[in-house]
PDB file of N, CA and C in Angstrom:
ATOM      1  N   UNK A   1      23.712  11.945   1.172  1.00  0.00           N
ATOM      2  CA  UNK A   1      22.857  10.699   1.403  1.00  0.00           C
ATOM      3  C   UNK A   1      21.355  11.048   1.832  1.00  0.00           C
ATOM      4  N   UNK A   2      20.897  11.546   2.660  1.00  0.00           N
ATOM      5  CA  UNK A   2      19.929  12.161   3.657  1.00  0.00           C
ATOM      6  C   UNK A   2      19.147  12.569   2.545  1.00  0.00           C
ATOM      7  N   UNK A   3      19.482  13.156   1.830  1.00  0.00           N
ATOM      8  CA  UNK A   3      18.637  14.000   0.684  1.00  0.00           C
ATOM      9  C   UNK A   3      17.954  12.816  -0.021  1.00  0.00           C
ATOM     10  N   UNK A   4      18.732  12.105  -0.567  1.00  0.00           N
ATOM     11  CA  UNK A   4      18.442  11.218  -1.795  1.00  0.00           C
ATOM     12  C   UNK A   4      17.295  10.092  -0.927  1.00  0.00           C
ATOM     13  N   UNK A   5      17.876   9.930   0.625  1.00  0.00           N
ATOM     14  CA  UNK A   5      16.595   8.861   1.561  1.00  0.00           C
ATOM     15  C   UNK A   5      15.599   9.443   1.180  1.00  0.00           C
ATOM     16  N   UNK A   6      15.335  10.504   1.940  1.00  0.00           N
ATOM     17  CA  UNK A   6      14.183  11.424   1.920  1.00  0.00           C
ATOM     18  C   UNK A   6      13.626  11.698   0.617  1.00  0.00           C
ATOM     19  N   UNK A   7      13.992  11.675  -0.607  1.00  0.00           N
ATOM     20  CA  UNK A   7      13.979  11.475  -1.781  1.00  0.00           C
ATOM     21  C   UNK A   7      13.007  10.488  -2.143  1.00  0.00           C
ATOM     22  N   UNK A   8      13.463   9.234  -1.707  1.00  0.00           N
ATOM     23  CA  UNK A   8      13.393   7.708  -2.105  1.00  0.00           C
ATOM     24  C   UNK A   8      11.724   7.347  -1.161  1.00  0.00           C
ATOM     25  N   UNK A   9      11.915   8.091   0.112  1.00  0.00           N
ATOM     26  CA  UNK A   9      10.813   7.791   0.950  1.00  0.00           C
ATOM     27  C   UNK A   9       9.556   8.671   0.699  1.00  0.00           C
ATOM     28  N   UNK A  10       9.664  10.060   0.207  1.00  0.00           N
ATOM     29  CA  UNK A  10       8.134  10.679  -0.696  1.00  0.00           C
ATOM     30  C   UNK A  10       8.049   9.638  -1.958  1.00  0.00           C
ATOM     31  N   UNK A  11       8.572   9.086  -2.919  1.00  0.00           N
ATOM     32  CA  UNK A  11       8.452   8.663  -3.815  1.00  0.00           C
ATOM     33  C   UNK A  11       7.657   7.108  -3.604  1.00  0.00           C
ATOM     34  N   UNK A  12       8.200   6.633  -2.496  1.00  0.00           N
ATOM     35  CA  UNK A  12       7.530   5.183  -2.235  1.00  0.00           C
ATOM     36  C   UNK A  12       6.352   5.587  -1.276  1.00  0.00           C
ATOM     37  N   UNK A  13       6.210   6.714  -0.569  1.00  0.00           N
ATOM     38  CA  UNK A  13       4.877   6.906   0.061  1.00  0.00           C
ATOM     39  C   UNK A  13       3.746   7.437  -1.018  1.00  0.00           C
ATOM     40  N   UNK A  14       4.105   7.879  -2.046  1.00  0.00           N
ATOM     41  CA  UNK A  14       2.727   8.480  -3.012  1.00  0.00           C
ATOM     42  C   UNK A  14       2.852   7.234  -3.812  1.00  0.00           C
ATOM     43  N   UNK A  15       3.583   6.410  -4.121  1.00  0.00           N
ATOM     44  CA  UNK A  15       3.002   5.375  -5.000  1.00  0.00           C
ATOM     45  C   UNK A  15       2.535   4.410  -4.101  1.00  0.00           C
ATOM     46  N   UNK A  16       2.687   4.550  -2.527  1.00  0.00           N
ATOM     47  CA  UNK A  16       2.053   3.217  -1.394  1.00  0.00           C
ATOM     48  C   UNK A  16       0.807   3.762  -1.746  1.00  0.00           C
ATOM     49  N   UNK A  17       0.193   5.227  -1.694  1.00  0.00           N
ATOM     50  CA  UNK A  17      -0.833   5.985  -1.388  1.00  0.00           C
ATOM     51  C   UNK A  17      -2.095   5.519  -2.826  1.00  0.00           C
ATOM     52  N   UNK A  18      -0.922   5.642  -3.981  1.00  0.00           N
ATOM     53  CA  UNK A  18      -1.869   5.221  -4.997  1.00  0.00           C
ATOM     54  C   UNK A  18      -2.228   3.603  -5.313  1.00  0.00           C
ATOM     55  N   UNK A  19      -1.612   2.882  -4.695  1.00  0.00           N
ATOM     56  CA  UNK A  19      -2.129   1.366  -4.736  1.00  0.00           C
ATOM     57  C   UNK A  19      -2.623   1.298  -3.749  1.00  0.00           C
ATOM     58  N   UNK A  20      -2.854   1.754  -2.732  1.00  0.00           N
ATOM     59  CA  UNK A  20      -4.054   1.441  -1.762  1.00  0.00           C
ATOM     60  C   UNK A  20      -5.389   2.271  -2.330  1.00  0.00           C
ATOM     61  N   UNK A  21      -5.210   3.373  -2.661  1.00  0.00           N
ATOM     62  CA  UNK A  21      -6.333   3.783  -3.283  1.00  0.00           C
ATOM     63  C   UNK A  21      -7.156   3.110  -4.606  1.00  0.00           C
ATOM     64  N   UNK A  22      -6.030   2.570  -5.615  1.00  0.00           N
ATOM     65  CA  UNK A  22      -6.580   1.482  -6.303  1.00  0.00           C
ATOM     66  C   UNK A  22      -6.984   0.291  -5.923  1.00  0.00           C
ATOM     67  N   UNK A  23      -6.882  -0.078  -4.842  1.00  0.00           N
ATOM     68  CA  UNK A  23      -7.279  -1.359  -4.313  1.00  0.00           C
ATOM     69  C   UNK A  23      -8.733  -0.999  -3.870  1.00  0.00           C
ATOM     70  N   UNK A  24      -9.022  -0.007  -3.221  1.00  0.00           N
ATOM     71  CA  UNK A  24     -10.027   0.479  -2.617  1.00  0.00           C
ATOM     72  C   UNK A  24     -11.204   0.939  -3.452  1.00  0.00           C
ATOM     73  N   UNK A  25     -10.868   1.343  -4.606  1.00  0.00           N
ATOM     74  CA  UNK A  25     -11.834   2.019  -5.934  1.00  0.00           C
ATOM     75  C   UNK A  25     -12.884   0.444  -5.931  1.00  0.00           C
ATOM     76  N   UNK A  26     -12.919  -0.518  -5.930  1.00  0.00           N
ATOM     77  CA  UNK A  26     -13.562  -1.856  -6.448  1.00  0.00           C
ATOM     78  C   UNK A  26     -14.713  -1.840  -5.112  1.00  0.00           C
ATOM     79  N   UNK A  27     -14.277  -1.473  -3.982  1.00  0.00           N
ATOM     80  CA  UNK A  27     -15.027  -1.768  -3.003  1.00  0.00           C
ATOM     81  C   UNK A  27     -16.719  -1.089  -2.814  1.00  0.00           C
ATOM     82  N   UNK A  28     -16.452   0.189  -3.306  1.00  0.00           N
ATOM     83  CA  UNK A  28     -17.569   0.971  -3.377  1.00  0.00           C
ATOM     84  C   UNK A  28     -18.301   1.586  -2.329  1.00  0.00           C
ATOM     85  N   UNK A  29     -19.254   1.925  -1.989  1.00  0.00           N
ATOM     86  CA  UNK A  29     -19.581   2.175  -0.788  1.00  0.00           C
ATOM     87  C   UNK A  29     -19.784   1.576   0.325  1.00  0.00           C
ATOM     88  N   UNK A  30     -20.202   0.002   0.037  1.00  0.00           N
ATOM     89  CA  UNK A  30     -20.057  -0.867   0.545  1.00  0.00           C
ATOM     90  C   UNK A  30     -19.201  -1.298   1.504  1.00  0.00           C
ATOM     91  N   UNK A  31     -17.905  -1.353   1.348  1.00  0.00           N
ATOM     92  CA  UNK A  31     -16.769  -0.961   1.860  1.00  0.00           C
ATOM     93  C   UNK A  31     -16.827  -0.224   3.450  1.00  0.00           C
ATOM     94  N   UNK A  32     -17.801   0.757   3.494  1.00  0.00           N
ATOM     95  CA  UNK A  32     -17.385   1.739   3.981  1.00  0.00           C
ATOM     96  C   UNK A  32     -18.269   1.361   5.580  1.00  0.00           C
ATOM     97  N   UNK A  33     -19.348   0.536   5.412  1.00  0.00           N
ATOM     98  CA  UNK A  33     -20.033  -0.086   6.267  1.00  0.00           C
ATOM     99  C   UNK A  33     -19.927  -1.132   7.109  1.00  0.00           C
ATOM    100  N   UNK A  34     -18.859  -1.961   6.546  1.00  0.00           N
ATOM    101  CA  UNK A  34     -18.531  -3.468   6.853  1.00  0.00           C
ATOM    102  C   UNK A  34     -18.361  -4.171   5.779  1.00  0.00           C
ATOM    103  N   UNK A  35     -19.079  -3.858   4.882  1.00  0.00           N
ATOM    104  CA  UNK A  35     -19.417  -4.738   3.669  1.00  0.00           C
ATOM    105  C   UNK A  35     -20.680  -5.617   3.807  1.00  0.00           C
ATOM    106  N   UNK A  36     -20.944  -6.461   2.786  1.00  0.00           N
ATOM    107  CA  UNK A  36     -21.934  -7.561   2.804  1.00  0.00           C
ATOM    108  C   UNK A  36     -21.741  -8.558   3.825  1.00  0.00           C
ATOM    109  N   UNK A  37     -22.727  -8.586   4.494  1.00  0.00           N
ATOM    110  CA  UNK A  37     -22.367  -9.858   5.543  1.00  0.00           C
ATOM    111  C   UNK A  37     -23.105 -11.177   5.035  1.00  0.00           C
ATOM    112  N   UNK A  38     -23.757 -10.826   3.837  1.00  0.00           N
ATOM    113  CA  UNK A  38     -24.619 -11.973   3.821  1.00  0.00           C
ATOM    114  C   UNK A  38     -24.053 -13.562   3.192  1.00  0.00           C
ATOM    115  N   UNK A  39     -23.845 -12.995   1.818  1.00  0.00           N
ATOM    116  CA  UNK A  39     -23.699 -13.945   0.862  1.00  0.00           C
ATOM    117  C   UNK A  39     -21.920 -14.186   0.470  1.00  0.00           C
ATOM    118  N   UNK A  40     -21.399 -12.855   0.506  1.00  0.00           N
ATOM    119  CA  UNK A  40     -20.386 -12.710  -0.228  1.00  0.00           C
ATOM    120  C   UNK A  40     -18.910 -13.621   0.024  1.00  0.00           C
ATOM    121  N   UNK A  41     -18.899 -13.764   1.188  1.00  0.00           N
ATOM    122  CA  UNK A  41     -17.796 -14.949   1.356  1.00  0.00           C
ATOM    123  C   UNK A  41     -16.444 -14.665   0.820  1.00  0.00           C
ATOM    124  N   UNK A  42     -15.534 -16.113   0.570  1.00  0.00           N
ATOM    125  CA  UNK A  42     -14.296 -15.919   0.321  1.00  0.00           C
ATOM    126  C   UNK A  42     -14.277 -15.367  -1.091  1.00  0.00           C
ATOM    127  N   UNK A  43     -12.777 -14.420  -0.993  1.00  0.00           N
ATOM    128  CA  UNK A  43     -12.708 -13.633  -2.377  1.00  0.00           C
ATOM    129  C   UNK A  43     -11.506 -14.121  -2.539  1.00  0.00           C
ATOM    130  N   UNK A  44     -11.090 -14.555  -4.195  1.00  0.00           N
ATOM    131  CA  UNK A  44      -9.546 -14.838  -4.332  1.00  0.00           C
ATOM    132  C   UNK A  44      -9.437 -13.601  -5.060  1.00  0.00           C
ATOM    133  N   UNK A  45      -8.084 -12.954  -5.020  1.00  0.00           N
ATOM    134  CA  UNK A  45      -7.790 -12.050  -5.909  1.00  0.00           C
ATOM    135  C   UNK A  45      -6.777 -12.713  -7.005  1.00  0.00           C
ATOM    136  N   UNK A  46      -7.334 -12.523  -8.406  1.00  0.00           N
ATOM    137  CA  UNK A  46      -6.560 -13.118  -9.517  1.00  0.00           C
ATOM    138  C   UNK A  46      -6.173 -11.457 -10.408  1.00  0.00           C
ATOM    139  N   UNK A  47      -5.331 -11.800 -11.131  1.00  0.00           N
ATOM    140  CA  UNK A  47      -4.303 -11.210 -12.025  1.00  0.00           C
ATOM    141  C   UNK A  47      -4.215  -9.778 -11.710  1.00  0.00           C
ATOM    142  N   UNK A  48      -4.574  -8.840 -12.174  1.00  0.00           N
ATOM    143  CA  UNK A  48      -4.338  -7.327 -11.588  1.00  0.00           C
ATOM    144  C   UNK A  48      -4.371  -7.073 -10.529  1.00  0.00           C
ATOM    145  N   UNK A  49      -5.806  -7.615  -9.998  1.00  0.00           N
ATOM    146  CA  UNK A  49      -5.921  -7.169  -8.321  1.00  0.00           C
ATOM    147  C   UNK A  49      -4.741  -8.054  -7.383  1.00  0.00           C
ATOM    148  N   UNK A  50      -4.459  -9.033  -7.894  1.00  0.00           N
ATOM    149  CA  UNK A  50      -3.276 -10.130  -7.117  1.00  0.00           C
ATOM    150  C   UNK A  50      -2.105  -9.198  -7.353  1.00  0.00           C
ATOM    151  N   UNK A  51      -1.642  -8.518  -8.602  1.00  0.00           N
ATOM    152  CA  UNK A  51      -0.566  -7.858  -8.527  1.00  0.00           C
ATOM    153  C   UNK A  51      -0.546  -6.508  -7.770  1.00  0.00           C
ATOM    154  N   UNK A  52      -1.451  -5.942  -7.586  1.00  0.00           N
ATOM    155  CA  UNK A  52      -1.607  -4.987  -6.991  1.00  0.00           C
ATOM    156  C   UNK A  52      -1.684  -4.954  -5.399  1.00  0.00           C
ATOM    157  N   UNK A  53      -2.340  -5.747  -4.983  1.00  0.00           N
ATOM    158  CA  UNK A  53      -1.815  -6.511  -3.978  1.00  0.00           C
ATOM    159  C   UNK A  53      -0.594  -6.591  -3.356  1.00  0.00           C
ATOM    160  N   UNK A  54       0.229  -7.572  -4.140  1.00  0.00           N
ATOM    161  CA  UNK A  54       1.569  -7.446  -3.887  1.00  0.00           C
ATOM    162  C   UNK A  54       2.260  -6.601  -3.933  1.00  0.00           C
ATOM    163  N   UNK A  55       2.289  -5.854  -4.967  1.00  0.00           N
ATOM    164  CA  UNK A  55       3.005  -4.413  -5.083  1.00  0.00           C
ATOM    165  C   UNK A  55       3.046  -3.735  -4.017  1.00  0.00           C
ATOM    166  N   UNK A  56       1.726  -3.726  -3.528  1.00  0.00           N
ATOM    167  CA  UNK A  56       1.289  -2.800  -1.897  1.00  0.00           C
ATOM    168  C   UNK A  56       1.909  -3.490  -1.063  1.00  0.00           C
ATOM    169  N   UNK A  57       2.154  -4.229  -0.958  1.00  0.00           N
ATOM    170  CA  UNK A  57       3.220  -5.080   0.274  1.00  0.00           C
ATOM    171  C   UNK A  57       4.328  -4.845   0.382  1.00  0.00           C
ATOM    172  N   UNK A  58       4.904  -5.087  -1.043  1.00  0.00           N
ATOM    173  CA  UNK A  58       6.282  -4.801  -1.304  1.00  0.00           C
ATOM    174  C   UNK A  58       6.639  -3.405  -1.093  1.00  0.00           C
ATOM    175  N   UNK A  59       5.822  -2.356  -1.529  1.00  0.00           N
ATOM    176  CA  UNK A  59       6.278  -1.030  -0.980  1.00  0.00           C
ATOM    177  C   UNK A  59       5.733  -0.547   0.257  1.00  0.00           C
ATOM    178  N   UNK A  60       5.087  -1.206   0.953  1.00  0.00           N
ATOM    179  CA  UNK A  60       4.787  -1.131   2.419  1.00  0.00           C
ATOM    180  C   UNK A  60       6.226  -1.888   3.403  1.00  0.00           C
ATOM    181  N   UNK A  61       6.795  -2.540   2.984  1.00  0.00           N
ATOM    182  CA  UNK A  61       7.896  -3.111   3.664  1.00  0.00           C
ATOM    183  C   UNK A  61       8.821  -2.015   3.101  1.00  0.00           C
ATOM    184  N   UNK A  62       9.252  -2.017   1.922  1.00  0.00           N
ATOM    185  CA  UNK A  62      10.220  -0.601   1.695  1.00  0.00           C
ATOM    186  C   UNK A  62       9.617   0.387   2.218  1.00  0.00           C
ATOM    187  N   UNK A  63       8.935   1.300   2.392  1.00  0.00           N
ATOM    188  CA  UNK A  63       8.361   2.345   3.178  1.00  0.00           C
ATOM    189  C   UNK A  63       8.962   2.113   4.685  1.00  0.00           C
ATOM    190  N   UNK A  64       8.558   0.900   5.198  1.00  0.00           N
ATOM    191  CA  UNK A  64       9.204   0.299   6.602  1.00  0.00           C
ATOM    192  C   UNK A  64      10.385   0.897   6.515  1.00  0.00           C
ATOM    193  N   UNK A  65      11.754   0.402   5.787  1.00  0.00           N
ATOM    194  CA  UNK A  65      12.758  -0.084   5.817  1.00  0.00           C
ATOM    195  C   UNK A  65      13.404   1.265   5.653  1.00  0.00           C
ATOM    196  N   UNK A  66      12.787   2.452   4.930  1.00  0.00           N
ATOM    197  CA  UNK A  66      13.280   3.150   4.535  1.00  0.00           C
ATOM    198  C   UNK A  66      13.049   4.429   5.749  1.00  0.00           C
ATOM    199  N   UNK A  67      12.142   4.588   6.025  1.00  0.00           N
ATOM    200  CA  UNK A  67      11.688   5.161   7.454  1.00  0.00           C
ATOM    201  C   UNK A  67      12.339   4.800   8.306  1.00  0.00           C
ATOM    202  N   UNK A  68      12.614   3.768   8.866  1.00  0.00           N
ATOM    203  CA  UNK A  68      13.608   3.060  10.148  1.00  0.00           C
ATOM    204  C   UNK A  68      15.218   3.658   9.650  1.00  0.00           C
ATOM    205  N   UNK A  69      15.736   3.298   8.368  1.00  0.00           N
ATOM    206  CA  UNK A  69      16.788   4.139   8.063  1.00  0.00           C
ATOM    207  C   UNK A  69      16.812   5.638   8.039  1.00  0.00           C
ATOM    208  N   UNK A  70      16.142   6.222   7.711  1.00  0.00           N
ATOM    209  CA  UNK A  70      15.914   7.587   7.860  1.00  0.00           C
ATOM    210  C   UNK A  70      15.891   8.059   9.488  1.00  0.00           C
ATOM    211  N   UNK A  71      15.302   7.281  10.207  1.00  0.00           N
ATOM    212  CA  UNK A  71      15.301   7.895  11.724  1.00  0.00           C
ATOM    213  C   UNK A  71      17.205   7.301  12.286  1.00  0.00           C
ATOM    214  N   UNK A  72      17.656   6.267  11.943  1.00  0.00           N
ATOM    215  CA  UNK A  72      18.889   5.850  12.472  1.00  0.00           C
ATOM    216  C   UNK A  72      19.936   6.413  11.887  1.00  0.00           C
ATOM    217  N   UNK A  73      19.906   6.679  10.794  1.00  0.00           N
ATOM    218  CA  UNK A  73      21.187   7.090  10.311  1.00  0.00           C
ATOM    219  C   UNK A  73      21.857   8.739  10.586  1.00  0.00           C
ATOM    220  N   UNK A  74      22.695   9.329  10.609  1.00  0.00           N
ATOM    221  CA  UNK A  74      23.146  10.352  11.238  1.00  0.00           C
ATOM    222  C   UNK A  74      23.006  11.458  10.068  1.00  0.00           C
ATOM    223  N   UNK A  75      22.780  12.739  10.378  1.00  0.00           N
ATOM    224  CA  UNK A  75      22.121  13.916   9.267  1.00  0.00           C
ATOM    225  C   UNK A  75      23.412  13.962   8.997  1.00  0.00           C
TER     226      UNK A  75
END
């Protein structure tokens, strides 16, 4: 059981890393310094960007649950 839990944790963590990198890829170098404080204002996520955002949230929750189970279940 512990082996499959660790395997699932590895797969979810790699997927989560990929989703975060896909989200930050569109920011460019402006995101490193805090972005543009001028007139960029409000941004609405649509289409693929919203899908990637929702998948990232789901993977984050799954990662958290798997990590808690990994610690609490006896070896």
